[in-house]
Amino acid sequence: MKDRTSGTIERTFHFRNYDSALSFSDDVNSMSRELDHHANMTFRHECVDGVDVTLEFFTYEANEVTDKDYTAAKMVNEIARKNTK
């Protein structure tokens, strides 16, 4: 793993159930394919408290957070707004 010189952009989104979390993740995946820039994505399922999806952006080729990471993170925020309505 490369040494990260400038941190990452990370955010956790909470969903009521696993299906909602997967729908969000599918939308993020579609956006990521279009940008050709993918986040590290983890799921944490708390059976009685829903599902947390954590996304982490970092550009490994540059060994830092780049404009591509900020663009992707902004797009993920828009996807989250649509998925939580």
PDB file of N, CA and C in Angstrom:
ATOM      1  N   MET A   1       0.850  -1.187   0.000  1.00  0.00           N
ATOM      2  CA  MET A   1       0.000   0.000   0.000  1.00  0.00           C
ATOM      3  C   MET A   1       0.892   1.245   0.000  1.00  0.00           C
ATOM      4  N   LYS A   2       0.526   2.217  -0.792  1.00  0.00           N
ATOM      5  CA  LYS A   2       1.310   3.450  -0.870  1.00  0.00           C
ATOM      6  C   LYS A   2       1.137   4.301   0.386  1.00  0.00           C
ATOM      7  N   ASP A   3       2.142   5.058   0.691  1.00  0.00           N
ATOM      8  CA  ASP A   3       2.072   6.018   1.790  1.00  0.00           C
ATOM      9  C   ASP A   3       1.212   7.203   1.360  1.00  0.00           C
ATOM     10  N   ARG A   4       0.227   7.533   2.117  1.00  0.00           N
ATOM     11  CA  ARG A   4      -0.683   8.626   1.774  1.00  0.00           C
ATOM     12  C   ARG A   4      -0.177   9.925   2.375  1.00  0.00           C
ATOM     13  N   THR A   5       0.193  10.845   1.503  1.00  0.00           N
ATOM     14  CA  THR A   5       0.786  12.086   1.985  1.00  0.00           C
ATOM     15  C   THR A   5      -0.239  13.138   2.366  1.00  0.00           C
ATOM     16  N   SER A   6      -1.446  13.048   1.861  1.00  0.00           N
ATOM     17  CA  SER A   6      -2.406  14.125   2.127  1.00  0.00           C
ATOM     18  C   SER A   6      -3.762  13.632   2.615  1.00  0.00           C
ATOM     19  N   GLY A   7      -3.800  12.486   3.255  1.00  0.00           N
ATOM     20  CA  GLY A   7      -5.063  11.997   3.790  1.00  0.00           C
ATOM     21  C   GLY A   7      -5.995  11.471   2.716  1.00  0.00           C
ATOM     22  N   THR A   8      -7.252  11.390   3.068  1.00  0.00           N
ATOM     23  CA  THR A   8      -8.285  10.899   2.150  1.00  0.00           C
ATOM     24  C   THR A   8      -9.539  11.742   2.339  1.00  0.00           C
ATOM     25  N   ILE A   9     -10.470  11.563   1.427  1.00  0.00           N
ATOM     26  CA  ILE A   9     -11.814  12.104   1.614  1.00  0.00           C
ATOM     27  C   ILE A   9     -12.666  10.903   2.007  1.00  0.00           C
ATOM     28  N   GLU A  10     -13.271  10.957   3.171  1.00  0.00           N
ATOM     29  CA  GLU A  10     -14.041   9.820   3.674  1.00  0.00           C
ATOM     30  C   GLU A  10     -15.365  10.293   4.243  1.00  0.00           C
ATOM     31  N   ARG A  11     -16.414   9.517   3.968  1.00  0.00           N
ATOM     32  CA  ARG A  11     -17.723   9.827   4.531  1.00  0.00           C
ATOM     33  C   ARG A  11     -18.510   8.543   4.697  1.00  0.00           C
ATOM     34  N   THR A  12     -19.281   8.484   5.769  1.00  0.00           N
ATOM     35  CA  THR A  12     -20.146   7.331   6.035  1.00  0.00           C
ATOM     36  C   THR A  12     -21.592   7.751   5.867  1.00  0.00           C
ATOM     37  N   PHE A  13     -22.345   6.925   5.155  1.00  0.00           N
ATOM     38  CA  PHE A  13     -23.768   7.144   4.916  1.00  0.00           C
ATOM     39  C   PHE A  13     -24.542   6.028   5.609  1.00  0.00           C
ATOM     40  N   HIS A  14     -25.645   6.372   6.255  1.00  0.00           N
ATOM     41  CA  HIS A  14     -26.449   5.396   6.980  1.00  0.00           C
ATOM     42  C   HIS A  14     -27.754   5.128   6.226  1.00  0.00           C
ATOM     43  N   PHE A  15     -28.130   3.846   6.155  1.00  0.00           N
ATOM     44  CA  PHE A  15     -29.362   3.437   5.475  1.00  0.00           C
ATOM     45  C   PHE A  15     -30.180   2.528   6.385  1.00  0.00           C
ATOM     46  N   ARG A  16     -31.483   2.571   6.186  1.00  0.00           N
ATOM     47  CA  ARG A  16     -32.408   1.791   7.014  1.00  0.00           C
ATOM     48  C   ARG A  16     -32.188   0.288   6.871  1.00  0.00           C
ATOM     49  N   ASN A  17     -31.864  -0.147   5.645  1.00  0.00           N
ATOM     50  CA  ASN A  17     -31.753  -1.575   5.398  1.00  0.00           C
ATOM     51  C   ASN A  17     -30.705  -1.851   4.320  1.00  0.00           C
ATOM     52  N   TYR A  18     -30.412  -3.114   4.156  1.00  0.00           N
ATOM     53  CA  TYR A  18     -29.363  -3.526   3.227  1.00  0.00           C
ATOM     54  C   TYR A  18     -29.725  -3.206   1.782  1.00  0.00           C
ATOM     55  N   ASP A  19     -30.995  -3.375   1.413  1.00  0.00           N
ATOM     56  CA  ASP A  19     -31.415  -3.077   0.037  1.00  0.00           C
ATOM     57  C   ASP A  19     -31.177  -1.612  -0.314  1.00  0.00           C
ATOM     58  N   SER A  20     -31.475  -0.710   0.611  1.00  0.00           N
ATOM     59  CA  SER A  20     -31.233   0.719   0.375  1.00  0.00           C
ATOM     60  C   SER A  20     -29.740   1.000   0.215  1.00  0.00           C
ATOM     61  N   ALA A  21     -28.932   0.359   1.034  1.00  0.00           N
ATOM     62  CA  ALA A  21     -27.488   0.542   0.950  1.00  0.00           C
ATOM     63  C   ALA A  21     -26.953   0.020  -0.387  1.00  0.00           C
ATOM     64  N   LEU A  22     -27.463  -1.111  -0.839  1.00  0.00           N
ATOM     65  CA  LEU A  22     -27.020  -1.659  -2.119  1.00  0.00           C
ATOM     66  C   LEU A  22     -27.453  -0.798  -3.293  1.00  0.00           C
ATOM     67  N   SER A  23     -28.643  -0.241  -3.217  1.00  0.00           N
ATOM     68  CA  SER A  23     -29.114   0.652  -4.274  1.00  0.00           C
ATOM     69  C   SER A  23     -28.201   1.869  -4.380  1.00  0.00           C
ATOM     70  N   PHE A  24     -27.878   2.456  -3.249  1.00  0.00           N
ATOM     71  CA  PHE A  24     -26.945   3.578  -3.210  1.00  0.00           C
ATOM     72  C   PHE A  24     -25.598   3.167  -3.805  1.00  0.00           C
ATOM     73  N   SER A  25     -25.093   2.027  -3.396  1.00  0.00           N
ATOM     74  CA  SER A  25     -23.796   1.550  -3.875  1.00  0.00           C
ATOM     75  C   SER A  25     -23.804   1.304  -5.378  1.00  0.00           C
ATOM     76  N   ASP A  26     -24.903   0.777  -5.902  1.00  0.00           N
ATOM     77  CA  ASP A  26     -25.029   0.589  -7.351  1.00  0.00           C
ATOM     78  C   ASP A  26     -24.963   1.921  -8.083  1.00  0.00           C
ATOM     79  N   ASP A  27     -25.626   2.935  -7.532  1.00  0.00           N
ATOM     80  CA  ASP A  27     -25.592   4.265  -8.148  1.00  0.00           C
ATOM     81  C   ASP A  27     -24.185   4.863  -8.096  1.00  0.00           C
ATOM     82  N   VAL A  28     -23.508   4.670  -6.971  1.00  0.00           N
ATOM     83  CA  VAL A  28     -22.129   5.150  -6.844  1.00  0.00           C
ATOM     84  C   VAL A  28     -21.236   4.416  -7.843  1.00  0.00           C
ATOM     85  N   ASN A  29     -21.456   3.126  -8.005  1.00  0.00           N
ATOM     86  CA  ASN A  29     -20.666   2.356  -8.960  1.00  0.00           C
ATOM     87  C   ASN A  29     -20.856   2.867 -10.386  1.00  0.00           C
ATOM     88  N   SER A  30     -22.083   3.182 -10.766  1.00  0.00           N
ATOM     89  CA  SER A  30     -22.339   3.721 -12.106  1.00  0.00           C
ATOM     90  C   SER A  30     -21.604   5.042 -12.311  1.00  0.00           C
ATOM     91  N   MET A  31     -21.675   5.920 -11.330  1.00  0.00           N
ATOM     92  CA  MET A  31     -20.971   7.200 -11.402  1.00  0.00           C
ATOM     93  C   MET A  31     -19.463   6.972 -11.489  1.00  0.00           C
ATOM     94  N   SER A  32     -18.965   6.027 -10.727  1.00  0.00           N
ATOM     95  CA  SER A  32     -17.533   5.743 -10.702  1.00  0.00           C
ATOM     96  C   SER A  32     -17.037   5.234 -12.054  1.00  0.00           C
ATOM     97  N   ARG A  33     -17.840   4.408 -12.701  1.00  0.00           N
ATOM     98  CA  ARG A  33     -17.462   3.935 -14.034  1.00  0.00           C
ATOM     99  C   ARG A  33     -17.377   5.090 -15.021  1.00  0.00           C
ATOM    100  N   GLU A  34     -18.341   6.006 -14.944  1.00  0.00           N
ATOM    101  CA  GLU A  34     -18.338   7.170 -15.841  1.00  0.00           C
ATOM    102  C   GLU A  34     -17.097   8.039 -15.623  1.00  0.00           C
ATOM    103  N   LEU A  35     -16.719   8.241 -14.364  1.00  0.00           N
ATOM    104  CA  LEU A  35     -15.546   9.062 -14.041  1.00  0.00           C
ATOM    105  C   LEU A  35     -14.226   8.297 -14.174  1.00  0.00           C
ATOM    106  N   ASP A  36     -14.322   6.975 -14.237  1.00  0.00           N
ATOM    107  CA  ASP A  36     -13.153   6.099 -14.181  1.00  0.00           C
ATOM    108  C   ASP A  36     -12.353   6.398 -12.918  1.00  0.00           C
ATOM    109  N   HIS A  37     -13.092   6.499 -11.806  1.00  0.00           N
ATOM    110  CA  HIS A  37     -12.479   6.786 -10.506  1.00  0.00           C
ATOM    111  C   HIS A  37     -13.352   6.147  -9.429  1.00  0.00           C
ATOM    112  N   HIS A  38     -12.817   5.153  -8.732  1.00  0.00           N
ATOM    113  CA  HIS A  38     -13.599   4.365  -7.785  1.00  0.00           C
ATOM    114  C   HIS A  38     -13.138   4.582  -6.348  1.00  0.00           C
ATOM    115  N   ALA A  39     -14.093   4.626  -5.464  1.00  0.00           N
ATOM    116  CA  ALA A  39     -13.811   4.766  -4.031  1.00  0.00           C
ATOM    117  C   ALA A  39     -13.556   3.400  -3.408  1.00  0.00           C
ATOM    118  N   ASN A  40     -12.818   3.392  -2.317  1.00  0.00           N
ATOM    119  CA  ASN A  40     -12.832   2.227  -1.447  1.00  0.00           C
ATOM    120  C   ASN A  40     -14.176   2.277  -0.727  1.00  0.00           C
ATOM    121  N   MET A  41     -14.862   1.145  -0.679  1.00  0.00           N
ATOM    122  CA  MET A  41     -16.211   1.114  -0.130  1.00  0.00           C
ATOM    123  C   MET A  41     -16.317  -0.030   0.878  1.00  0.00           C
ATOM    124  N   THR A  42     -16.844   0.289   2.072  1.00  0.00           N
ATOM    125  CA  THR A  42     -17.068  -0.749   3.075  1.00  0.00           C
ATOM    126  C   THR A  42     -18.501  -0.680   3.578  1.00  0.00           C
ATOM    127  N   PHE A  43     -19.018  -1.846   3.949  1.00  0.00           N
ATOM    128  CA  PHE A  43     -20.363  -1.971   4.511  1.00  0.00           C
ATOM    129  C   PHE A  43     -20.248  -2.457   5.943  1.00  0.00           C
ATOM    130  N   ARG A  44     -21.082  -1.885   6.797  1.00  0.00           N
ATOM    131  CA  ARG A  44     -21.191  -2.375   8.167  1.00  0.00           C
ATOM    132  C   ARG A  44     -22.678  -2.540   8.455  1.00  0.00           C
ATOM    133  N   HIS A  45     -23.074  -3.788   8.657  1.00  0.00           N
ATOM    134  CA  HIS A  45     -24.484  -4.109   8.867  1.00  0.00           C
ATOM    135  C   HIS A  45     -24.755  -4.324  10.345  1.00  0.00           C
ATOM    136  N   GLU A  46     -25.524  -3.415  10.917  1.00  0.00           N
ATOM    137  CA  GLU A  46     -25.978  -3.546  12.303  1.00  0.00           C
ATOM    138  C   GLU A  46     -27.423  -4.014  12.220  1.00  0.00           C
ATOM    139  N   CYS A  47     -27.654  -5.262  12.484  1.00  0.00           N
ATOM    140  CA  CYS A  47     -28.956  -5.887  12.209  1.00  0.00           C
ATOM    141  C   CYS A  47     -30.161  -5.071  12.673  1.00  0.00           C
ATOM    142  N   VAL A  48     -30.065  -4.447  13.822  1.00  0.00           N
ATOM    143  CA  VAL A  48     -31.213  -3.705  14.334  1.00  0.00           C
ATOM    144  C   VAL A  48     -31.113  -2.208  14.078  1.00  0.00           C
ATOM    145  N   ASP A  49     -29.987  -1.766  13.512  1.00  0.00           N
ATOM    146  CA  ASP A  49     -29.783  -0.330  13.340  1.00  0.00           C
ATOM    147  C   ASP A  49     -29.420   0.050  11.905  1.00  0.00           C
ATOM    148  N   GLY A  50     -29.716  -0.799  10.944  1.00  0.00           N
ATOM    149  CA  GLY A  50     -29.466  -0.458   9.556  1.00  0.00           C
ATOM    150  C   GLY A  50     -28.065  -0.788   9.076  1.00  0.00           C
ATOM    151  N   VAL A  51     -27.657  -0.096   8.006  1.00  0.00           N
ATOM    152  CA  VAL A  51     -26.393  -0.383   7.330  1.00  0.00           C
ATOM    153  C   VAL A  51     -25.630   0.926   7.121  1.00  0.00           C
ATOM    154  N   ASP A  52     -24.349   0.910   7.441  1.00  0.00           N
ATOM    155  CA  ASP A  52     -23.469   2.045   7.150  1.00  0.00           C
ATOM    156  C   ASP A  52     -22.607   1.693   5.947  1.00  0.00           C
ATOM    157  N   VAL A  53     -22.526   2.620   5.007  1.00  0.00           N
ATOM    158  CA  VAL A  53     -21.641   2.489   3.856  1.00  0.00           C
ATOM    159  C   VAL A  53     -20.620   3.615   3.951  1.00  0.00           C
ATOM    160  N   THR A  54     -19.349   3.250   4.031  1.00  0.00           N
ATOM    161  CA  THR A  54     -18.278   4.237   4.106  1.00  0.00           C
ATOM    162  C   THR A  54     -17.528   4.256   2.781  1.00  0.00           C
ATOM    163  N   LEU A  55     -17.356   5.459   2.243  1.00  0.00           N
ATOM    164  CA  LEU A  55     -16.608   5.653   1.009  1.00  0.00           C
ATOM    165  C   LEU A  55     -15.346   6.437   1.320  1.00  0.00           C
ATOM    166  N   GLU A  56     -14.266   6.048   0.684  1.00  0.00           N
ATOM    167  CA  GLU A  56     -12.985   6.709   0.873  1.00  0.00           C
ATOM    168  C   GLU A  56     -12.374   6.975  -0.499  1.00  0.00           C
ATOM    169  N   PHE A  57     -12.083   8.249  -0.778  1.00  0.00           N
ATOM    170  CA  PHE A  57     -11.464   8.630  -2.050  1.00  0.00           C
ATOM    171  C   PHE A  57     -10.022   9.047  -1.834  1.00  0.00           C
ATOM    172  N   PHE A  58      -9.169   8.594  -2.749  1.00  0.00           N
ATOM    173  CA  PHE A  58      -7.744   8.902  -2.741  1.00  0.00           C
ATOM    174  C   PHE A  58      -7.202   8.487  -4.110  1.00  0.00           C
ATOM    175  N   THR A  59      -6.373   9.310  -4.723  1.00  0.00           N
ATOM    176  CA  THR A  59      -5.804   8.976  -6.024  1.00  0.00           C
ATOM    177  C   THR A  59      -4.422   8.359  -5.809  1.00  0.00           C
ATOM    178  N   TYR A  60      -4.337   7.055  -5.989  1.00  0.00           N
ATOM    179  CA  TYR A  60      -3.094   6.337  -5.722  1.00  0.00           C
ATOM    180  C   TYR A  60      -1.970   6.731  -6.670  1.00  0.00           C
ATOM    181  N   GLU A  61      -2.311   6.988  -7.942  1.00  0.00           N
ATOM    182  CA  GLU A  61      -1.274   7.362  -8.910  1.00  0.00           C
ATOM    183  C   GLU A  61      -0.563   8.654  -8.504  1.00  0.00           C
ATOM    184  N   ALA A  62      -1.318   9.584  -7.919  1.00  0.00           N
ATOM    185  CA  ALA A  62      -0.742  10.868  -7.500  1.00  0.00           C
ATOM    186  C   ALA A  62      -0.251  10.833  -6.053  1.00  0.00           C
ATOM    187  N   ASN A  63      -0.627   9.783  -5.337  1.00  0.00           N
ATOM    188  CA  ASN A  63      -0.299   9.637  -3.915  1.00  0.00           C
ATOM    189  C   ASN A  63      -0.831  10.801  -3.088  1.00  0.00           C
ATOM    190  N   GLU A  64      -2.009  11.293  -3.481  1.00  0.00           N
ATOM    191  CA  GLU A  64      -2.654  12.378  -2.750  1.00  0.00           C
ATOM    192  C   GLU A  64      -4.112  12.501  -3.191  1.00  0.00           C
ATOM    193  N   VAL A  65      -4.844  13.321  -2.490  1.00  0.00           N
ATOM    194  CA  VAL A  65      -6.212  13.654  -2.880  1.00  0.00           C
ATOM    195  C   VAL A  65      -6.110  14.659  -4.028  1.00  0.00           C
ATOM    196  N   THR A  66      -6.876  14.401  -5.097  1.00  0.00           N
ATOM    197  CA  THR A  66      -6.824  15.262  -6.284  1.00  0.00           C
ATOM    198  C   THR A  66      -8.215  15.826  -6.589  1.00  0.00           C
ATOM    199  N   ASP A  67      -8.262  16.678  -7.600  1.00  0.00           N
ATOM    200  CA  ASP A  67      -9.551  17.232  -8.040  1.00  0.00           C
ATOM    201  C   ASP A  67     -10.536  16.139  -8.400  1.00  0.00           C
ATOM    202  N   LYS A  68     -10.037  15.039  -8.933  1.00  0.00           N
ATOM    203  CA  LYS A  68     -10.915  13.922  -9.290  1.00  0.00           C
ATOM    204  C   LYS A  68     -11.625  13.368  -8.047  1.00  0.00           C
ATOM    205  N   ASP A  69     -10.916  13.333  -6.926  1.00  0.00           N
ATOM    206  CA  ASP A  69     -11.511  12.861  -5.671  1.00  0.00           C
ATOM    207  C   ASP A  69     -12.605  13.812  -5.193  1.00  0.00           C
ATOM    208  N   TYR A  70     -12.329  15.110  -5.266  1.00  0.00           N
ATOM    209  CA  TYR A  70     -13.331  16.100  -4.842  1.00  0.00           C
ATOM    210  C   TYR A  70     -14.559  16.059  -5.742  1.00  0.00           C
ATOM    211  N   THR A  71     -14.354  15.903  -7.034  1.00  0.00           N
ATOM    212  CA  THR A  71     -15.479  15.810  -7.972  1.00  0.00           C
ATOM    213  C   THR A  71     -16.331  14.590  -7.661  1.00  0.00           C
ATOM    214  N   ALA A  72     -15.683  13.450  -7.467  1.00  0.00           N
ATOM    215  CA  ALA A  72     -16.408  12.219  -7.156  1.00  0.00           C
ATOM    216  C   ALA A  72     -17.166  12.341  -5.835  1.00  0.00           C
ATOM    217  N   ALA A  73     -16.534  12.933  -4.832  1.00  0.00           N
ATOM    218  CA  ALA A  73     -17.184  13.091  -3.527  1.00  0.00           C
ATOM    219  C   ALA A  73     -18.426  13.971  -3.635  1.00  0.00           C
ATOM    220  N   LYS A  74     -18.349  15.038  -4.414  1.00  0.00           N
ATOM    221  CA  LYS A  74     -19.522  15.903  -4.612  1.00  0.00           C
ATOM    222  C   LYS A  74     -20.644  15.146  -5.310  1.00  0.00           C
ATOM    223  N   MET A  75     -20.278  14.334  -6.290  1.00  0.00           N
ATOM    224  CA  MET A  75     -21.287  13.552  -7.008  1.00  0.00           C
ATOM    225  C   MET A  75     -21.928  12.512  -6.088  1.00  0.00           C
ATOM    226  N   VAL A  76     -21.145  11.928  -5.201  1.00  0.00           N
ATOM    227  CA  VAL A  76     -21.684  10.969  -4.230  1.00  0.00           C
ATOM    228  C   VAL A  76     -22.679  11.659  -3.306  1.00  0.00           C
ATOM    229  N   ASN A  77     -22.395  12.878  -2.885  1.00  0.00           N
ATOM    230  CA  ASN A  77     -23.342  13.610  -2.039  1.00  0.00           C
ATOM    231  C   ASN A  77     -24.676  13.794  -2.742  1.00  0.00           C
ATOM    232  N   GLU A  78     -24.653  14.075  -4.047  1.00  0.00           N
ATOM    233  CA  GLU A  78     -25.895  14.209  -4.822  1.00  0.00           C
ATOM    234  C   GLU A  78     -26.633  12.872  -4.897  1.00  0.00           C
ATOM    235  N   ILE A  79     -25.897  11.798  -5.115  1.00  0.00           N
ATOM    236  CA  ILE A  79     -26.504  10.465  -5.149  1.00  0.00           C
ATOM    237  C   ILE A  79     -27.147  10.157  -3.803  1.00  0.00           C
ATOM    238  N   ALA A  80     -26.475  10.498  -2.721  1.00  0.00           N
ATOM    239  CA  ALA A  80     -27.019  10.235  -1.374  1.00  0.00           C
ATOM    240  C   ALA A  80     -28.313  11.006  -1.155  1.00  0.00           C
ATOM    241  N   ARG A  81     -28.357  12.260  -1.600  1.00  0.00           N
ATOM    242  CA  ARG A  81     -29.595  13.047  -1.446  1.00  0.00           C
ATOM    243  C   ARG A  81     -30.758  12.376  -2.145  1.00  0.00           C
ATOM    244  N   LYS A  82     -30.520  11.840  -3.334  1.00  0.00           N
ATOM    245  CA  LYS A  82     -31.578  11.174  -4.107  1.00  0.00           C
ATOM    246  C   LYS A  82     -31.991   9.852  -3.467  1.00  0.00           C
ATOM    247  N   ASN A  83     -31.049   9.154  -2.845  1.00  0.00           N
ATOM    248  CA  ASN A  83     -31.326   7.845  -2.268  1.00  0.00           C
ATOM    249  C   ASN A  83     -31.955   7.916  -0.874  1.00  0.00           C
ATOM    250  N   THR A  84     -31.934   9.063  -0.250  1.00  0.00           N
ATOM    251  CA  THR A  84     -32.497   9.172   1.097  1.00  0.00           C
ATOM    252  C   THR A  84     -33.834   9.894   1.119  1.00  0.00           C
ATOM    253  N   LYS A  85     -34.365  10.260  -0.032  1.00  0.00           N
ATOM    254  CA  LYS A  85     -35.666  10.939  -0.088  1.00  0.00           C
ATOM    255  C   LYS A  85     -36.792   9.957  -0.024  1.00  0.00           C
TER     256      LYS A  85
END
